[in-house]
């Protein structure tokens, strides 16, 4: 009797990854504008600092 791991079905990791991505997708309309606003403020503050 050897200590080989039990085989998992092929694509099991892909199924878990897809579920993780699908759980984040509904947050995109909130996350993307917030990240965009933070990025614009950061770039504007750098431009003011450099001027």
PDB file of N, CA and C in Angstrom:
ATOM      1  N   UNK A   1       0.848  -1.178   0.000  1.00  0.00           N
ATOM      2  CA  UNK A   1       0.000   0.000   0.000  1.00  0.00           C
ATOM      3  C   UNK A   1       0.891   1.238   0.000  1.00  0.00           C
ATOM      4  N   UNK A   2       0.762   2.044  -1.036  1.00  0.00           N
ATOM      5  CA  UNK A   2       1.623   3.223  -1.152  1.00  0.00           C
ATOM      6  C   UNK A   2       0.861   4.475  -0.713  1.00  0.00           C
ATOM      7  N   UNK A   3       1.602   5.510  -0.451  1.00  0.00           N
ATOM      8  CA  UNK A   3       1.007   6.768  -0.009  1.00  0.00           C
ATOM      9  C   UNK A   3       0.778   7.714  -1.186  1.00  0.00           C
ATOM     10  N   UNK A   4       0.013   7.275  -2.157  1.00  0.00           N
ATOM     11  CA  UNK A   4      -0.288   8.155  -3.290  1.00  0.00           C
ATOM     12  C   UNK A   4      -1.545   8.947  -2.975  1.00  0.00           C
ATOM     13  N   UNK A   5      -1.568  10.215  -3.344  1.00  0.00           N
ATOM     14  CA  UNK A   5      -2.772  11.005  -3.079  1.00  0.00           C
ATOM     15  C   UNK A   5      -3.937  10.517  -3.928  1.00  0.00           C
ATOM     16  N   UNK A   6      -5.110  10.674  -3.413  1.00  0.00           N
ATOM     17  CA  UNK A   6      -6.278  10.251  -4.176  1.00  0.00           C
ATOM     18  C   UNK A   6      -6.471  11.196  -5.348  1.00  0.00           C
ATOM     19  N   UNK A   7      -6.752  10.664  -6.498  1.00  0.00           N
ATOM     20  CA  UNK A   7      -6.900  11.534  -7.674  1.00  0.00           C
ATOM     21  C   UNK A   7      -8.164  12.390  -7.570  1.00  0.00           C
ATOM     22  N   UNK A   8      -8.047  13.604  -8.022  1.00  0.00           N
ATOM     23  CA  UNK A   8      -9.214  14.474  -8.079  1.00  0.00           C
ATOM     24  C   UNK A   8      -9.669  14.554  -9.524  1.00  0.00           C
ATOM     25  N   UNK A   9     -10.897  14.907  -9.693  1.00  0.00           N
ATOM     26  CA  UNK A   9     -11.408  14.973 -11.055  1.00  0.00           C
ATOM     27  C   UNK A   9     -10.706  16.092 -11.814  1.00  0.00           C
ATOM     28  N   UNK A  10     -10.425  15.880 -13.087  1.00  0.00           N
ATOM     29  CA  UNK A  10      -9.743  16.925 -13.856  1.00  0.00           C
ATOM     30  C   UNK A  10     -10.629  18.162 -13.961  1.00  0.00           C
ATOM     31  N   UNK A  11     -10.015  19.315 -13.865  1.00  0.00           N
ATOM     32  CA  UNK A  11     -10.768  20.560 -13.929  1.00  0.00           C
ATOM     33  C   UNK A  11     -11.333  20.999 -12.600  1.00  0.00           C
ATOM     34  N   UNK A  12     -11.008  20.290 -11.519  1.00  0.00           N
ATOM     35  CA  UNK A  12     -11.538  20.673 -10.205  1.00  0.00           C
ATOM     36  C   UNK A  12     -11.033  22.053  -9.809  1.00  0.00           C
ATOM     37  N   UNK A  13      -9.746  22.326 -10.023  1.00  0.00           N
ATOM     38  CA  UNK A  13      -9.192  23.641  -9.687  1.00  0.00           C
ATOM     39  C   UNK A  13      -9.833  24.725 -10.536  1.00  0.00           C
ATOM     40  N   UNK A  14     -10.104  24.423 -11.792  1.00  0.00           N
ATOM     41  CA  UNK A  14     -10.728  25.408 -12.677  1.00  0.00           C
ATOM     42  C   UNK A  14     -12.141  25.738 -12.196  1.00  0.00           C
ATOM     43  N   UNK A  15     -12.853  24.742 -11.688  1.00  0.00           N
ATOM     44  CA  UNK A  15     -14.199  24.987 -11.177  1.00  0.00           C
ATOM     45  C   UNK A  15     -14.132  25.891  -9.946  1.00  0.00           C
ATOM     46  N   UNK A  16     -13.190  25.644  -9.057  1.00  0.00           N
ATOM     47  CA  UNK A  16     -13.050  26.475  -7.865  1.00  0.00           C
ATOM     48  C   UNK A  16     -12.666  27.884  -8.256  1.00  0.00           C
ATOM     49  N   UNK A  17     -11.753  28.035  -9.206  1.00  0.00           N
ATOM     50  CA  UNK A  17     -11.317  29.361  -9.657  1.00  0.00           C
ATOM     51  C   UNK A  17     -12.486  30.116 -10.291  1.00  0.00           C
ATOM     52  N   UNK A  18     -13.282  29.424 -11.084  1.00  0.00           N
ATOM     53  CA  UNK A  18     -14.413  30.079 -11.737  1.00  0.00           C
ATOM     54  C   UNK A  18     -15.420  30.566 -10.687  1.00  0.00           C
ATOM     55  N   UNK A  19     -15.660  29.783  -9.664  1.00  0.00           N
ATOM     56  CA  UNK A  19     -16.587  30.199  -8.615  1.00  0.00           C
ATOM     57  C   UNK A  19     -16.058  31.420  -7.868  1.00  0.00           C
ATOM     58  N   UNK A  20     -14.748  31.471  -7.624  1.00  0.00           N
ATOM     59  CA  UNK A  20     -14.158  32.618  -6.935  1.00  0.00           C
ATOM     60  C   UNK A  20     -14.311  33.871  -7.788  1.00  0.00           C
ATOM     61  N   UNK A  21     -14.082  33.743  -9.078  1.00  0.00           N
ATOM     62  CA  UNK A  21     -14.209  34.899  -9.972  1.00  0.00           C
ATOM     63  C   UNK A  21     -15.664  35.338 -10.050  1.00  0.00           C
ATOM     64  N   UNK A  22     -16.569  34.386 -10.156  1.00  0.00           N
ATOM     65  CA  UNK A  22     -17.980  34.739 -10.255  1.00  0.00           C
ATOM     66  C   UNK A  22     -18.493  35.404  -8.984  1.00  0.00           C
ATOM     67  N   UNK A  23     -17.889  35.131  -7.850  1.00  0.00           N
ATOM     68  CA  UNK A  23     -18.326  35.781  -6.621  1.00  0.00           C
ATOM     69  C   UNK A  23     -17.866  37.232  -6.563  1.00  0.00           C
ATOM     70  N   UNK A  24     -16.808  37.584  -7.307  1.00  0.00           N
ATOM     71  CA  UNK A  24     -16.286  38.949  -7.305  1.00  0.00           C
ATOM     72  C   UNK A  24     -16.976  39.813  -8.357  1.00  0.00           C
ATOM     73  N   UNK A  25     -17.467  39.195  -9.419  1.00  0.00           N
ATOM     74  CA  UNK A  25     -18.030  39.943 -10.548  1.00  0.00           C
ATOM     75  C   UNK A  25     -19.129  40.924 -10.139  1.00  0.00           C
ATOM     76  N   UNK A  26     -20.056  40.601  -9.241  1.00  0.00           N
ATOM     77  CA  UNK A  26     -21.090  41.598  -8.893  1.00  0.00           C
ATOM     78  C   UNK A  26     -20.542  42.864  -8.240  1.00  0.00           C
ATOM     79  N   UNK A  27     -19.336  42.814  -7.699  1.00  0.00           N
ATOM     80  CA  UNK A  27     -18.754  43.991  -7.055  1.00  0.00           C
ATOM     81  C   UNK A  27     -18.062  44.923  -8.041  1.00  0.00           C
ATOM     82  N   UNK A  28     -17.894  44.512  -9.290  1.00  0.00           N
ATOM     83  CA  UNK A  28     -17.145  45.309 -10.257  1.00  0.00           C
ATOM     84  C   UNK A  28     -17.727  46.707 -10.481  1.00  0.00           C
ATOM     85  N   UNK A  29     -19.061  46.900 -10.566  1.00  0.00           N
ATOM     86  CA  UNK A  29     -19.559  48.272 -10.764  1.00  0.00           C
ATOM     87  C   UNK A  29     -19.220  49.218  -9.618  1.00  0.00           C
ATOM     88  N   UNK A  30     -18.890  48.687  -8.457  1.00  0.00           N
ATOM     89  CA  UNK A  30     -18.500  49.530  -7.325  1.00  0.00           C
ATOM     90  C   UNK A  30     -16.980  49.670  -7.274  1.00  0.00           C
ATOM     91  N   UNK A  31     -16.275  48.574  -7.487  1.00  0.00           N
ATOM     92  CA  UNK A  31     -14.824  48.563  -7.306  1.00  0.00           C
ATOM     93  C   UNK A  31     -14.117  49.361  -8.398  1.00  0.00           C
ATOM     94  N   UNK A  32     -14.509  49.202  -9.647  1.00  0.00           N
ATOM     95  CA  UNK A  32     -13.784  49.858 -10.731  1.00  0.00           C
ATOM     96  C   UNK A  32     -13.830  51.385 -10.639  1.00  0.00           C
ATOM     97  N   UNK A  33     -14.984  52.041 -10.419  1.00  0.00           N
ATOM     98  CA  UNK A  33     -14.954  53.501 -10.290  1.00  0.00           C
ATOM     99  C   UNK A  33     -14.167  53.978  -9.078  1.00  0.00           C
ATOM    100  N   UNK A  34     -14.224  53.239  -7.980  1.00  0.00           N
ATOM    101  CA  UNK A  34     -13.475  53.649  -6.784  1.00  0.00           C
ATOM    102  C   UNK A  34     -11.978  53.574  -7.062  1.00  0.00           C
ATOM    103  N   UNK A  35     -11.538  52.492  -7.674  1.00  0.00           N
ATOM    104  CA  UNK A  35     -10.114  52.350  -7.993  1.00  0.00           C
ATOM    105  C   UNK A  35      -9.701  53.412  -9.007  1.00  0.00           C
ATOM    106  N   UNK A  36     -10.563  53.706  -9.967  1.00  0.00           N
ATOM    107  CA  UNK A  36     -10.259  54.752 -10.945  1.00  0.00           C
ATOM    108  C   UNK A  36     -10.133  56.117 -10.291  1.00  0.00           C
ATOM    109  N   UNK A  37     -11.018  56.418  -9.361  1.00  0.00           N
ATOM    110  CA  UNK A  37     -10.957  57.709  -8.665  1.00  0.00           C
ATOM    111  C   UNK A  37      -9.690  57.820  -7.828  1.00  0.00           C
ATOM    112  N   UNK A  38      -9.339  56.758  -7.136  1.00  0.00           N
ATOM    113  CA  UNK A  38      -8.109  56.778  -6.334  1.00  0.00           C
ATOM    114  C   UNK A  38      -6.896  56.964  -7.232  1.00  0.00           C
ATOM    115  N   UNK A  39      -6.881  56.294  -8.378  1.00  0.00           N
ATOM    116  CA  UNK A  39      -5.761  56.422  -9.297  1.00  0.00           C
ATOM    117  C   UNK A  39      -5.664  57.839  -9.852  1.00  0.00           C
ATOM    118  N   UNK A  40      -6.801  58.451 -10.191  1.00  0.00           N
ATOM    119  CA  UNK A  40      -6.779  59.824 -10.698  1.00  0.00           C
ATOM    120  C   UNK A  40      -6.299  60.797  -9.637  1.00  0.00           C
ATOM    121  N   UNK A  41      -6.753  60.622  -8.392  1.00  0.00           N
ATOM    122  CA  UNK A  41      -6.285  61.497  -7.318  1.00  0.00           C
ATOM    123  C   UNK A  41      -4.787  61.337  -7.085  1.00  0.00           C
ATOM    124  N   UNK A  42      -4.304  60.106  -7.150  1.00  0.00           N
ATOM    125  CA  UNK A  42      -2.882  59.858  -6.977  1.00  0.00           C
ATOM    126  C   UNK A  42      -2.074  60.522  -8.083  1.00  0.00           C
ATOM    127  N   UNK A  43      -2.509  60.351  -9.317  1.00  0.00           N
ATOM    128  CA  UNK A  43      -1.784  60.958 -10.434  1.00  0.00           C
ATOM    129  C   UNK A  43      -1.852  62.479 -10.376  1.00  0.00           C
ATOM    130  N   UNK A  44      -2.997  63.037  -9.993  1.00  0.00           N
ATOM    131  CA  UNK A  44      -3.119  64.493  -9.885  1.00  0.00           C
ATOM    132  C   UNK A  44      -2.213  65.023  -8.780  1.00  0.00           C
ATOM    133  N   UNK A  45      -2.141  64.327  -7.658  1.00  0.00           N
ATOM    134  CA  UNK A  45      -1.279  64.796  -6.578  1.00  0.00           C
ATOM    135  C   UNK A  45       0.185  64.721  -6.980  1.00  0.00           C
ATOM    136  N   UNK A  46       0.566  63.713  -7.749  1.00  0.00           N
ATOM    137  CA  UNK A  46       1.942  63.638  -8.243  1.00  0.00           C
ATOM    138  C   UNK A  46       2.217  64.793  -9.199  1.00  0.00           C
ATOM    139  N   UNK A  47       1.253  65.105 -10.069  1.00  0.00           N
ATOM    140  CA  UNK A  47       1.449  66.204 -11.018  1.00  0.00           C
ATOM    141  C   UNK A  47       1.584  67.543 -10.293  1.00  0.00           C
ATOM    142  N   UNK A  48       0.782  67.763  -9.258  1.00  0.00           N
ATOM    143  CA  UNK A  48       0.871  69.012  -8.496  1.00  0.00           C
ATOM    144  C   UNK A  48       2.192  69.070  -7.751  1.00  0.00           C
ATOM    145  N   UNK A  49       2.631  67.956  -7.221  1.00  0.00           N
ATOM    146  CA  UNK A  49       3.896  67.934  -6.486  1.00  0.00           C
ATOM    147  C   UNK A  49       5.074  68.224  -7.417  1.00  0.00           C
ATOM    148  N   UNK A  50       5.005  67.685  -8.633  1.00  0.00           N
ATOM    149  CA  UNK A  50       6.108  67.874  -9.579  1.00  0.00           C
ATOM    150  C   UNK A  50       6.126  69.287 -10.159  1.00  0.00           C
ATOM    151  N   UNK A  51       4.987  69.962 -10.192  1.00  0.00           N
ATOM    152  CA  UNK A  51       4.908  71.292 -10.832  1.00  0.00           C
ATOM    153  C   UNK A  51       5.544  72.381  -9.981  1.00  0.00           C
TER     154      UNK A  51
END
